[in-house]
Protein backbone atom coordinates (compact mmCIF):
# COMPACT_ATOMS: atom_id res chain seq x y z
CA UNK A 1 -25.30 -61.18 33.69
CA UNK A 2 -22.68 -63.77 32.74
CA UNK A 3 -22.99 -62.64 29.12
CA UNK A 4 -21.31 -59.34 30.05
CA UNK A 5 -18.25 -61.21 31.32
CA UNK A 6 -18.18 -63.29 28.13
CA UNK A 7 -18.56 -60.20 25.95
CA UNK A 8 -15.80 -58.21 27.64
CA UNK A 9 -13.50 -61.24 27.60
CA UNK A 10 -14.21 -61.69 23.89
CA UNK A 11 -13.42 -58.07 23.09
CA UNK A 12 -10.22 -58.23 25.16
CA UNK A 13 -9.05 -61.25 23.17
CA UNK A 14 -10.09 -59.52 19.94
CA UNK A 15 -8.03 -56.47 20.88
CA UNK A 16 -5.03 -58.68 21.65
CA UNK A 17 -5.39 -60.32 18.22
CA UNK A 18 -5.38 -56.87 16.59
CA UNK A 19 -2.23 -55.91 18.50
CA UNK A 20 -0.49 -59.15 17.51
CA UNK A 21 -1.43 -58.45 13.87
CA UNK A 22 0.24 -55.07 14.20
CA UNK A 23 3.31 -56.61 15.83
CA UNK A 24 3.76 -59.26 13.14
CA UNK A 25 3.37 -56.74 10.33
CA UNK A 26 5.21 -53.84 11.96
CA UNK A 27 8.19 -55.97 12.98
CA UNK A 28 8.46 -57.26 9.39
CA UNK A 29 8.21 -60.87 10.57
CA UNK A 30 5.86 -60.97 7.60
CA UNK A 31 7.28 -58.77 4.88
CA UNK A 32 3.95 -57.43 3.64
CA UNK A 33 0.20 -57.57 4.12
CA UNK A 34 -0.33 -59.92 1.13
CA UNK A 35 2.21 -62.38 2.58
CA UNK A 36 0.44 -62.28 5.96
CA UNK A 37 -2.99 -62.68 4.32
CA UNK A 38 -1.65 -65.65 2.33
CA UNK A 39 -0.64 -67.52 5.48
CA UNK A 40 -3.95 -66.60 7.15
CA UNK A 41 -5.82 -68.04 4.16
CA UNK A 42 -3.77 -71.23 4.22
CA UNK A 43 -4.26 -71.54 8.00
CA UNK A 44 -8.03 -71.25 7.50
CA UNK A 45 -8.00 -74.79 6.08
CA UNK A 46 -7.90 -76.06 9.67
CA UNK A 47 -11.69 -75.66 9.52
CA UNK A 48 -11.90 -78.96 7.61
CA UNK A 49 -11.42 -80.70 10.96
CA UNK A 50 -15.07 -79.77 11.60
CA UNK A 51 -16.11 -81.90 8.60
CA UNK A 52 -16.98 -85.07 10.59
CA UNK A 53 -19.48 -83.05 12.64
CA UNK A 54 -21.95 -82.51 9.82
CA UNK A 55 -20.34 -81.20 6.62
CA UNK A 56 -22.66 -81.48 3.63
CA UNK A 57 -21.93 -81.13 -0.09
CA UNK A 58 -23.95 -78.11 -1.29
CA UNK A 59 -25.43 -77.60 -4.74
CA UNK A 60 -23.51 -75.59 -7.35
CA UNK A 61 -25.08 -72.27 -6.31
CA UNK A 62 -24.43 -72.84 -2.61
CA UNK A 63 -20.85 -73.97 -3.22
CA UNK A 64 -20.11 -71.00 -5.49
CA UNK A 65 -21.56 -68.55 -2.96
CA UNK A 66 -19.53 -70.13 -0.14
CA UNK A 67 -16.29 -69.88 -2.09
CA UNK A 68 -17.06 -66.33 -3.22
CA UNK A 69 -17.93 -65.06 0.26
CA UNK A 70 -14.84 -66.72 1.72
CA UNK A 71 -12.62 -65.07 -0.89
CA UNK A 72 -14.26 -61.68 -0.25
CA UNK A 73 -13.61 -62.16 3.47
CA UNK A 74 -9.93 -62.87 2.78
CA UNK A 75 -9.54 -59.73 0.67
CA UNK A 76 -11.32 -57.78 3.39
CA UNK A 77 -8.74 -58.81 5.97
CA UNK A 78 -6.01 -58.14 3.39
CA UNK A 79 -7.12 -54.50 3.30
CA UNK A 80 -7.29 -54.53 7.10
CA UNK A 81 -3.68 -55.74 7.25
CA UNK A 82 -2.64 -53.05 4.78
CA UNK A 83 -4.22 -50.44 7.07
CA UNK A 84 -2.75 -51.90 10.28
CA UNK A 85 0.68 -52.06 8.66
CA UNK A 86 0.53 -48.37 7.76
CA UNK A 87 -1.22 -46.76 10.73
CA UNK A 88 -1.86 -46.89 14.45
CA UNK A 89 -4.00 -49.86 15.44
CA UNK A 90 -6.01 -47.63 17.78
CA UNK A 91 -7.16 -45.67 14.72
CA UNK A 92 -7.62 -48.44 12.18
CA UNK A 93 -9.71 -50.80 14.34
CA UNK A 94 -12.38 -48.21 15.35
CA UNK A 95 -12.71 -46.97 11.75
CA UNK A 96 -13.27 -50.52 10.48
CA UNK A 97 -15.62 -51.05 13.43
CA UNK A 98 -17.61 -47.98 12.43
CA UNK A 99 -17.77 -48.83 8.71
CA UNK A 100 -18.68 -52.49 9.26
CA UNK A 101 -22.15 -52.08 10.87
CA UNK A 102 -22.89 -49.06 8.69
CA UNK A 103 -22.04 -50.92 5.46
CA UNK A 104 -23.86 -54.05 6.66
CA UNK A 105 -26.96 -52.00 7.42
CA UNK A 106 -26.89 -50.23 4.03
CA UNK A 107 -26.23 -53.46 2.07
CA UNK A 108 -29.13 -55.23 3.77
CA UNK A 109 -31.43 -52.19 3.51
CA UNK A 110 -32.84 -52.95 0.01
CA UNK A 111 -34.05 -56.33 1.31
CA UNK A 112 -36.02 -54.80 4.17
CA UNK A 113 -39.55 -53.53 3.93
CA UNK A 114 -39.43 -51.03 6.80
CA UNK A 115 -38.17 -47.45 6.51
CA UNK A 116 -35.34 -45.96 8.54
CA UNK A 117 -36.27 -44.75 12.00
CA UNK A 118 -35.02 -41.48 13.45
CA UNK A 119 -32.59 -43.30 15.75
CA UNK A 120 -31.23 -45.42 12.89
CA UNK A 121 -30.53 -42.30 10.84
CA UNK A 122 -28.94 -40.72 13.91
CA UNK A 123 -26.84 -43.86 14.40
CA UNK A 124 -25.57 -43.68 10.81
CA UNK A 125 -24.56 -40.04 11.25
CA UNK A 126 -22.81 -40.81 14.55
CA UNK A 127 -20.87 -43.70 12.98
CA UNK A 128 -19.70 -41.44 10.17
CA UNK A 129 -18.78 -38.65 12.59
CA UNK A 130 -17.00 -41.00 15.02
CA UNK A 131 -15.04 -42.65 12.21
CA UNK A 132 -13.94 -39.28 10.86
CA UNK A 133 -13.12 -37.90 14.32
CA UNK A 134 -10.68 -40.67 15.13
CA UNK A 135 -9.16 -40.38 11.64
CA UNK A 136 -8.24 -36.69 11.69
CA UNK A 137 -5.13 -35.21 13.23
CA UNK A 138 -6.46 -32.26 15.22
CA UNK A 139 -6.21 -29.33 14.97
CA UNK A 140 -6.80 -29.25 11.22
CA UNK A 141 -4.36 -27.12 9.25
CA UNK A 142 -4.25 -26.04 5.62
CA UNK A 143 -1.87 -28.14 3.58
CA UNK A 144 -1.74 -30.84 6.24
CA UNK A 145 -2.69 -34.41 5.40
CA UNK A 146 -6.22 -34.80 6.73
CA UNK A 147 -6.53 -38.60 7.12
CA UNK A 148 -4.13 -41.08 8.64
CA UNK A 149 -2.10 -43.28 6.31
CA UNK A 150 -4.13 -46.37 5.47
CA UNK A 151 -7.51 -44.68 6.01
CA UNK A 152 -8.87 -45.78 2.62
CA UNK A 153 -7.68 -49.33 3.26
CA UNK A 154 -9.62 -49.29 6.56
CA UNK A 155 -12.76 -48.08 4.75
CA UNK A 156 -12.37 -50.76 2.07
CA UNK A 157 -11.81 -53.44 4.72
CA UNK A 158 -15.02 -52.49 6.52
CA UNK A 159 -17.02 -52.64 3.28
CA UNK A 160 -15.65 -56.00 2.08
CA UNK A 161 -16.04 -57.58 5.51
CA UNK A 162 -19.63 -56.31 5.64
CA UNK A 163 -20.36 -57.92 2.26
CA UNK A 164 -18.83 -61.19 3.48
CA UNK A 165 -20.85 -61.16 6.71
CA UNK A 166 -24.10 -60.47 4.86
CA UNK A 167 -23.36 -63.41 2.54
CA UNK A 168 -22.52 -65.64 5.53
CA UNK A 169 -25.89 -64.83 7.05
CA UNK A 170 -27.66 -65.38 3.73
CA UNK A 171 -26.01 -68.81 3.42
CA UNK A 172 -27.10 -69.74 6.93
CA UNK A 173 -30.67 -68.47 6.73
CA UNK A 174 -31.58 -68.98 3.05
CA UNK A 175 -29.28 -71.48 1.34
CA UNK A 176 -28.75 -74.11 4.05
CA UNK A 177 -31.89 -73.51 6.09
CA UNK A 178 -33.08 -77.06 5.34
CA UNK A 179 -30.17 -78.53 7.32
CA UNK A 180 -30.10 -79.09 11.06
CA UNK A 181 -28.50 -76.31 13.13
CA UNK A 182 -25.21 -78.22 13.50
CA UNK A 183 -25.02 -79.25 9.83
CA UNK A 184 -25.94 -75.71 8.77
CA UNK A 185 -23.12 -74.12 10.74
CA UNK A 186 -20.48 -76.70 9.84
CA UNK A 187 -21.37 -76.61 6.14
CA UNK A 188 -21.27 -72.88 5.54
CA UNK A 189 -18.35 -72.35 7.93
CA UNK A 190 -16.08 -75.00 6.41
CA UNK A 191 -16.87 -74.16 2.79
CA UNK A 192 -16.40 -70.41 3.29
CA UNK A 193 -13.00 -71.09 4.91
CA UNK A 194 -12.10 -73.18 1.89
CA UNK A 195 -13.19 -70.14 -0.13
CA UNK A 196 -10.70 -68.11 1.89
CA UNK A 197 -7.98 -70.52 0.82
CA UNK A 198 -9.11 -70.17 -2.81
CA UNK A 199 -8.75 -66.42 -2.31
CA UNK A 200 -5.08 -66.92 -1.40
CA UNK A 201 -4.53 -68.36 -4.86
CA UNK A 202 -5.80 -65.04 -6.22
CA UNK A 203 -2.99 -63.30 -4.35
CA UNK A 204 -0.51 -65.22 -6.47
CA UNK A 205 -1.88 -63.57 -9.62
CA UNK A 206 -0.22 -60.27 -8.67
CA UNK A 207 3.47 -60.58 -9.67
CA UNK A 208 4.85 -58.48 -6.79
CA UNK A 209 2.77 -60.29 -4.19
CA UNK A 210 3.65 -63.70 -5.70
CA UNK A 211 7.36 -62.84 -5.52
CA UNK A 212 7.06 -61.78 -1.86
CA UNK A 213 5.11 -64.92 -0.94
CA UNK A 214 7.60 -67.27 -2.59
CA UNK A 215 10.47 -65.31 -1.05
CA UNK A 216 8.94 -65.83 2.41
CA UNK A 217 9.28 -69.62 1.97
CA UNK A 218 13.03 -69.24 1.44
CA UNK A 219 13.39 -66.73 4.28
CA UNK A 220 11.67 -69.01 6.77
CA UNK A 221 13.81 -72.00 5.75
CA UNK A 222 16.97 -69.92 6.03
CA UNK A 223 16.27 -68.68 9.55
CA UNK A 224 14.49 -71.59 11.21
CA UNK A 225 14.77 -70.19 14.75
CA UNK A 226 13.02 -66.94 13.84
CA UNK A 227 10.53 -68.85 11.70
CA UNK A 228 9.56 -71.02 14.66
CA UNK A 229 9.08 -67.95 16.86
CA UNK A 230 7.04 -66.19 14.20
CA UNK A 231 4.98 -69.32 13.61
CA UNK A 232 4.27 -69.67 17.32
CA UNK A 233 3.08 -66.05 17.56
CA UNK A 234 1.01 -66.44 14.39
CA UNK A 235 -0.72 -69.63 15.54
CA UNK A 236 -1.23 -68.17 19.01
CA UNK A 237 -2.76 -65.08 17.43
CA UNK A 238 -5.21 -67.16 15.39
CA UNK A 239 -6.15 -69.19 18.48
CA UNK A 240 -6.78 -65.96 20.41
CA UNK A 241 -8.93 -64.65 17.56
CA UNK A 242 -10.85 -67.93 17.41
CA UNK A 243 -11.53 -67.89 21.16
CA UNK A 244 -12.73 -64.30 20.84
CA UNK A 245 -15.27 -65.30 18.17
CA UNK A 246 -16.35 -68.36 20.17
CA UNK A 247 -16.99 -66.36 23.36
CA UNK A 248 -18.85 -63.67 21.40
CA UNK A 249 -21.14 -66.20 19.73
CA UNK A 250 -21.83 -67.82 23.11
CA UNK A 251 -22.63 -64.40 24.58
CA UNK A 252 -25.17 -63.85 21.78
CA UNK A 253 -27.08 -66.91 23.01
CA UNK A 254 -27.30 -65.53 26.57
CA UNK A 255 -27.73 -61.76 26.25
CA UNK A 256 -29.02 -58.94 24.09
CA UNK A 257 -27.42 -58.88 20.65
CA UNK A 258 -28.00 -55.11 20.47
CA UNK A 259 -26.21 -54.44 23.76
CA UNK A 260 -23.39 -56.85 22.92
CA UNK A 261 -22.80 -55.11 19.58
CA UNK A 262 -22.87 -51.72 21.27
CA UNK A 263 -20.22 -52.88 23.74
CA UNK A 264 -17.73 -53.35 20.86
CA UNK A 265 -16.29 -49.96 21.83
CA UNK A 266 -14.74 -51.80 24.79
CA UNK A 267 -12.51 -53.58 22.27
CA UNK A 268 -11.33 -50.23 20.89
CA UNK A 269 -10.43 -49.10 24.41
CA UNK A 270 -8.50 -52.33 24.96
CA UNK A 271 -6.67 -51.79 21.66
CA UNK A 272 -5.73 -48.28 22.74
CA UNK A 273 -4.46 -49.45 26.15
CA UNK A 274 -2.55 -52.44 24.77
CA UNK A 275 -0.99 -50.36 21.98
CA UNK A 276 0.12 -47.77 24.54
CA UNK A 277 1.61 -50.52 26.73
CA UNK A 278 3.48 -52.22 23.90
CA UNK A 279 4.66 -48.87 22.51
CA UNK A 280 6.91 -48.56 25.57
CA UNK A 281 8.89 -51.63 24.52
CA UNK A 282 8.34 -51.60 20.76
CA UNK A 283 8.10 -47.90 20.01
CA UNK A 284 9.05 -48.25 16.35
CA UNK A 285 6.20 -50.70 15.80
CA UNK A 286 3.51 -49.10 17.98
CA UNK A 287 3.96 -45.39 17.37
CA UNK A 288 1.00 -44.41 19.53
CA UNK A 289 0.74 -40.74 20.48
CA UNK A 290 0.69 -40.29 24.23
CA UNK A 291 -0.38 -36.65 24.47
CA UNK A 292 -3.49 -35.88 26.50
CA UNK A 293 -5.51 -34.43 23.62
CA UNK A 294 -4.72 -37.40 21.39
CA UNK A 295 -6.13 -39.73 24.05
CA UNK A 296 -9.10 -37.43 24.56
CA UNK A 297 -9.87 -37.31 20.83
CA UNK A 298 -9.70 -41.11 20.47
CA UNK A 299 -11.84 -41.79 23.55
CA UNK A 300 -14.50 -39.29 22.47
CA UNK A 301 -14.57 -40.86 18.99
CA UNK A 302 -14.92 -44.35 20.50
CA UNK A 303 -17.86 -43.19 22.63
CA UNK A 304 -19.53 -41.61 19.58
CA UNK A 305 -19.06 -44.84 17.57
CA UNK A 306 -20.48 -46.91 20.44
CA UNK A 307 -23.60 -44.75 20.63
CA UNK A 308 -23.99 -44.92 16.84
CA UNK A 309 -23.78 -48.74 16.86
CA UNK A 310 -26.35 -48.86 19.66
CA UNK A 311 -28.81 -46.70 17.69
CA UNK A 312 -28.32 -48.49 14.37
CA UNK A 313 -28.83 -51.94 15.88
């Protein structure tokens, strides 16, 4: 049962990465989500260090699909950062987590020959219900804003990330299937990360975003001490996120993929606990509600989402 330890450890690290994202955006160490996404895209170029381990030059179609999927992934996390910057992390992460498997399932559905089972339909309904439950401020009142700020960004993030993940799988199973396992992984992984960097160039096409990005260069040079601290947190955050992905992939080789995916609700619980802990020291950044019914609502929604993921997978 070592895969359970790996899975829980992975989701704990993933939750910590989400919290650090919130800290970096909420504390204005990065002035905006596009600025943060730009640096994430640039940092993704570290993947080229995998090149000596089997990187291949794909054909035009494969290269174009790699770059496109990488850019879509970058814009997906851009929307995620917009949502995290505007709302409580303990709401944003479960909503994205609910939309992601649902959107992935629906996108891949036309390519499947089987029909939906009763439990798959039930899983879809539970994902929708759980996502909505954690999004509403209860009790509902007339004239009151129904969804949390950034809800649409969270929905958009889940959809774009689902598209990117489906394309990643298509690259692995259909485009580079002729390569050895190691060459396959290195090739699609490195080229899609380069695609993420290409996506950062797209951020520069928006005048306001371009101005903020260029301004961040000057700000970091002006305050080198803060820049070093921010850089250390940023790099540490990316390392934590990378370790989370590595442990999760290793767990997939040892245990049930269905059960591992269903256990993702553990990450939402970790996000909730970590956000509550950090809200004591950084209340302005982590404005988590601490009332009993707020906790109860979030925990119930997380359980509903977990059951939905289990049924749909």
